[in-house]
Amino acid sequence: MIDYAESCTQMTEVRTSVDINASIEEVFAAFTDWAAQGEWMVGTTVEVTKGDGRSVGSELSAFTGMHLGFKIGFLDTMTITAWEAPYRVDVLHTGRVVKGTGVMEVVALAGGQSRFLWSEDLDLPLGALGRLGWPLVRPAFIAGVKHSLKQLGRYIEQQIEQKG
């Protein structure tokens, strides 16, 4: 797993990856099954709000948080800006809290394995306060993404086993 997070004046980069015992096609199909992202992405539900969810211009809405009879969390809206099946999807985050770009990419490894790479270039919310708070939030944020990617790997491998 490769992990990288750097904070600069405006944008913050987050990079991580996971190796999965699956083909690039299987990994791509799983991570672009937006409705099923809640199976592996910590505390998140995703839905397609415009288009087919499989082409440039489609829009997605991801709620991350808890449902306690009411919702506590934030909404991450995004537009698909690149769709290169079965290798890569780029998004533009357009919400109030999450702004910036994201790339989800799959590369083939030896032995039928794949590496799923997750990267974000985020404009931190709350201006200077957000930049000051990021060093405190960053470890938990990265841990959550890493956990989610490990869950994605397990989810895909279980799906393959069940089909087996």
Protein backbone atom coordinates (compact mmCIF):
# COMPACT_ATOMS: atom_id res chain seq x y z
CA MET A 1 0.00 0.00 0.00
CA ILE A 2 1.30 3.44 -0.93
CA ASP A 3 0.24 6.34 1.26
CA TYR A 4 0.89 10.00 0.69
CA ALA A 5 -0.67 13.15 2.09
CA GLU A 6 0.71 16.62 1.67
CA SER A 7 -0.79 19.96 2.58
CA CYS A 8 0.09 23.06 0.62
CA THR A 9 -1.29 26.60 0.55
CA GLN A 10 -4.63 25.82 -1.07
CA MET A 11 -4.90 22.17 -2.06
CA THR A 12 -4.25 19.02 -0.06
CA GLU A 13 -3.18 15.82 -1.80
CA VAL A 14 -4.18 12.39 -0.53
CA ARG A 15 -2.90 9.24 -2.22
CA THR A 16 -3.27 5.61 -1.21
CA SER A 17 -3.65 2.23 -2.88
CA VAL A 18 -4.45 -1.41 -2.27
CA ASP A 19 -3.48 -4.58 -4.14
CA ILE A 20 -6.42 -6.87 -4.89
CA ASN A 21 -6.57 -10.49 -6.06
CA ALA A 22 -8.79 -9.67 -9.02
CA SER A 23 -8.59 -8.54 -12.63
CA ILE A 24 -8.72 -4.87 -13.57
CA GLU A 25 -12.19 -5.46 -15.03
CA GLU A 26 -13.48 -6.93 -11.75
CA VAL A 27 -11.99 -4.10 -9.69
CA PHE A 28 -13.32 -1.42 -12.05
CA ALA A 29 -16.81 -2.96 -12.05
CA ALA A 30 -16.86 -3.07 -8.25
CA PHE A 31 -15.66 0.46 -7.50
CA THR A 32 -17.96 1.98 -10.14
CA ASP A 33 -21.00 0.17 -8.74
CA TRP A 34 -21.93 3.40 -6.97
CA ALA A 35 -24.98 1.99 -5.18
CA ALA A 36 -22.83 -0.75 -3.62
CA GLN A 37 -20.10 1.58 -2.31
CA GLY A 38 -21.75 1.47 1.10
CA GLU A 39 -20.64 -2.18 1.28
CA TRP A 40 -17.00 -1.11 1.56
CA MET A 41 -16.70 2.68 1.99
CA VAL A 42 -16.82 3.62 5.68
CA GLY A 43 -20.09 5.34 6.59
CA THR A 44 -20.90 6.33 3.01
CA THR A 45 -23.84 5.85 0.68
CA VAL A 46 -23.59 6.88 -2.97
CA GLU A 47 -26.24 7.44 -5.59
CA VAL A 48 -26.28 8.59 -9.19
CA THR A 49 -28.19 11.88 -9.36
CA LYS A 50 -27.79 12.67 -13.07
CA GLY A 51 -26.94 10.57 -16.10
CA ASP A 52 -26.10 6.89 -16.08
CA GLY A 53 -23.17 7.02 -13.64
CA ARG A 54 -20.97 5.49 -16.33
CA SER A 55 -20.08 8.46 -18.50
CA VAL A 56 -18.58 11.93 -18.45
CA GLY A 57 -21.10 14.45 -17.12
CA SER A 58 -22.90 12.00 -14.85
CA GLU A 59 -23.35 13.30 -11.31
CA LEU A 60 -23.01 11.45 -8.02
CA SER A 61 -24.01 12.26 -4.48
CA ALA A 62 -22.19 10.64 -1.54
CA PHE A 63 -23.41 11.07 2.02
CA THR A 64 -20.80 10.28 4.66
CA GLY A 65 -21.92 10.15 8.25
CA MET A 66 -24.38 8.43 10.54
CA HIS A 67 -28.13 7.91 10.46
CA LEU A 68 -29.52 8.25 13.99
CA GLY A 69 -33.11 8.91 13.05
CA PHE A 70 -31.61 11.98 11.42
CA LYS A 71 -28.45 12.43 9.39
CA ILE A 72 -25.18 13.68 10.88
CA GLY A 73 -22.45 14.09 8.30
CA PHE A 74 -21.82 15.80 5.00
CA LEU A 75 -22.81 15.49 1.37
CA ASP A 76 -20.10 15.14 -1.28
CA THR A 77 -21.49 15.95 -4.72
CA MET A 78 -19.35 15.22 -7.75
CA THR A 79 -19.35 15.16 -11.52
CA ILE A 80 -17.58 12.49 -13.55
CA THR A 81 -14.98 14.29 -15.70
CA ALA A 82 -13.23 11.25 -17.22
CA TRP A 83 -14.44 7.69 -17.79
CA GLU A 84 -11.80 5.31 -19.16
CA ALA A 85 -13.19 1.82 -18.52
CA PRO A 86 -11.77 -0.41 -17.16
CA TYR A 87 -8.88 1.72 -15.94
CA ARG A 88 -9.84 5.10 -14.55
CA VAL A 89 -12.57 7.47 -13.37
CA ASP A 90 -11.92 11.14 -12.56
CA VAL A 91 -14.38 13.28 -10.61
CA LEU A 92 -14.77 16.93 -9.74
CA HIS A 93 -16.02 17.44 -6.17
CA THR A 94 -18.61 20.23 -6.24
CA GLY A 95 -20.07 20.25 -2.73
CA ARG A 96 -19.99 22.81 0.04
CA VAL A 97 -17.60 20.79 2.19
CA VAL A 98 -15.63 18.75 -0.34
CA LYS A 99 -14.14 20.59 -3.32
CA GLY A 100 -11.37 19.49 -5.61
CA THR A 101 -10.62 16.53 -7.85
CA GLY A 102 -10.44 12.79 -7.37
CA VAL A 103 -8.99 9.94 -9.42
CA MET A 104 -9.80 6.24 -9.01
CA GLU A 105 -7.51 4.10 -11.10
CA VAL A 106 -6.77 0.40 -11.62
CA VAL A 107 -3.49 -1.01 -12.92
CA ALA A 108 -2.73 -4.64 -13.73
CA LEU A 109 -0.15 -6.51 -11.68
CA ALA A 110 1.46 -9.89 -12.29
CA GLY A 111 -0.51 -13.03 -11.55
CA GLY A 112 -3.95 -11.60 -12.32
CA GLN A 113 -3.82 -9.09 -9.47
CA SER A 114 -4.62 -5.39 -9.68
CA ARG A 115 -3.67 -2.27 -7.80
CA PHE A 116 -6.47 0.19 -7.02
CA LEU A 117 -5.17 3.74 -6.59
CA TRP A 118 -7.20 6.43 -4.86
CA SER A 119 -6.10 10.05 -5.08
CA GLU A 120 -7.67 13.34 -4.13
CA ASP A 121 -6.56 16.95 -4.55
CA LEU A 122 -8.84 18.72 -2.09
CA ASP A 123 -9.48 22.34 -1.30
CA LEU A 124 -9.85 22.21 2.47
CA PRO A 125 -13.02 23.82 3.85
CA LEU A 126 -12.99 26.71 6.33
CA GLY A 127 -9.98 28.50 4.79
CA ALA A 128 -7.08 29.06 7.19
CA LEU A 129 -8.92 27.21 9.97
CA GLY A 130 -9.22 24.15 7.72
CA ARG A 131 -5.52 24.27 6.86
CA LEU A 132 -4.62 24.57 10.54
CA GLY A 133 -6.95 21.71 11.50
CA TRP A 134 -5.89 19.38 8.67
CA PRO A 135 -2.82 17.99 10.52
CA LEU A 136 -5.20 16.87 13.30
CA VAL A 137 -7.83 15.43 10.94
CA ARG A 138 -5.44 13.93 8.37
CA PRO A 139 -4.49 10.74 10.29
CA ALA A 140 -8.13 9.76 10.85
CA PHE A 141 -9.09 10.67 7.28
CA ILE A 142 -6.26 8.60 5.80
CA ALA A 143 -6.97 5.70 8.17
CA GLY A 144 -10.62 5.74 7.05
CA VAL A 145 -9.68 5.70 3.36
CA LYS A 146 -7.09 2.93 3.89
CA HIS A 147 -9.63 0.86 5.82
CA SER A 148 -12.20 1.40 3.06
CA LEU A 149 -9.78 0.29 0.35
CA LYS A 150 -8.92 -2.86 2.30
CA GLN A 151 -12.66 -3.47 2.62
CA LEU A 152 -13.00 -2.97 -1.15
CA GLY A 153 -10.38 -5.66 -1.73
CA ARG A 154 -12.15 -8.09 0.60
CA TYR A 155 -15.53 -7.24 -0.95
CA ILE A 156 -14.28 -7.96 -4.48
CA GLU A 157 -12.50 -11.15 -3.48
CA GLN A 158 -15.64 -12.40 -1.69
CA GLN A 159 -17.76 -11.61 -4.76
CA ILE A 160 -15.36 -13.64 -6.92
CA GLU A 161 -15.42 -16.53 -4.42
CA GLN A 162 -19.23 -16.58 -4.39
CA LYS A 163 -19.33 -16.72 -8.21
CA GLY A 164 -16.62 -19.44 -8.18
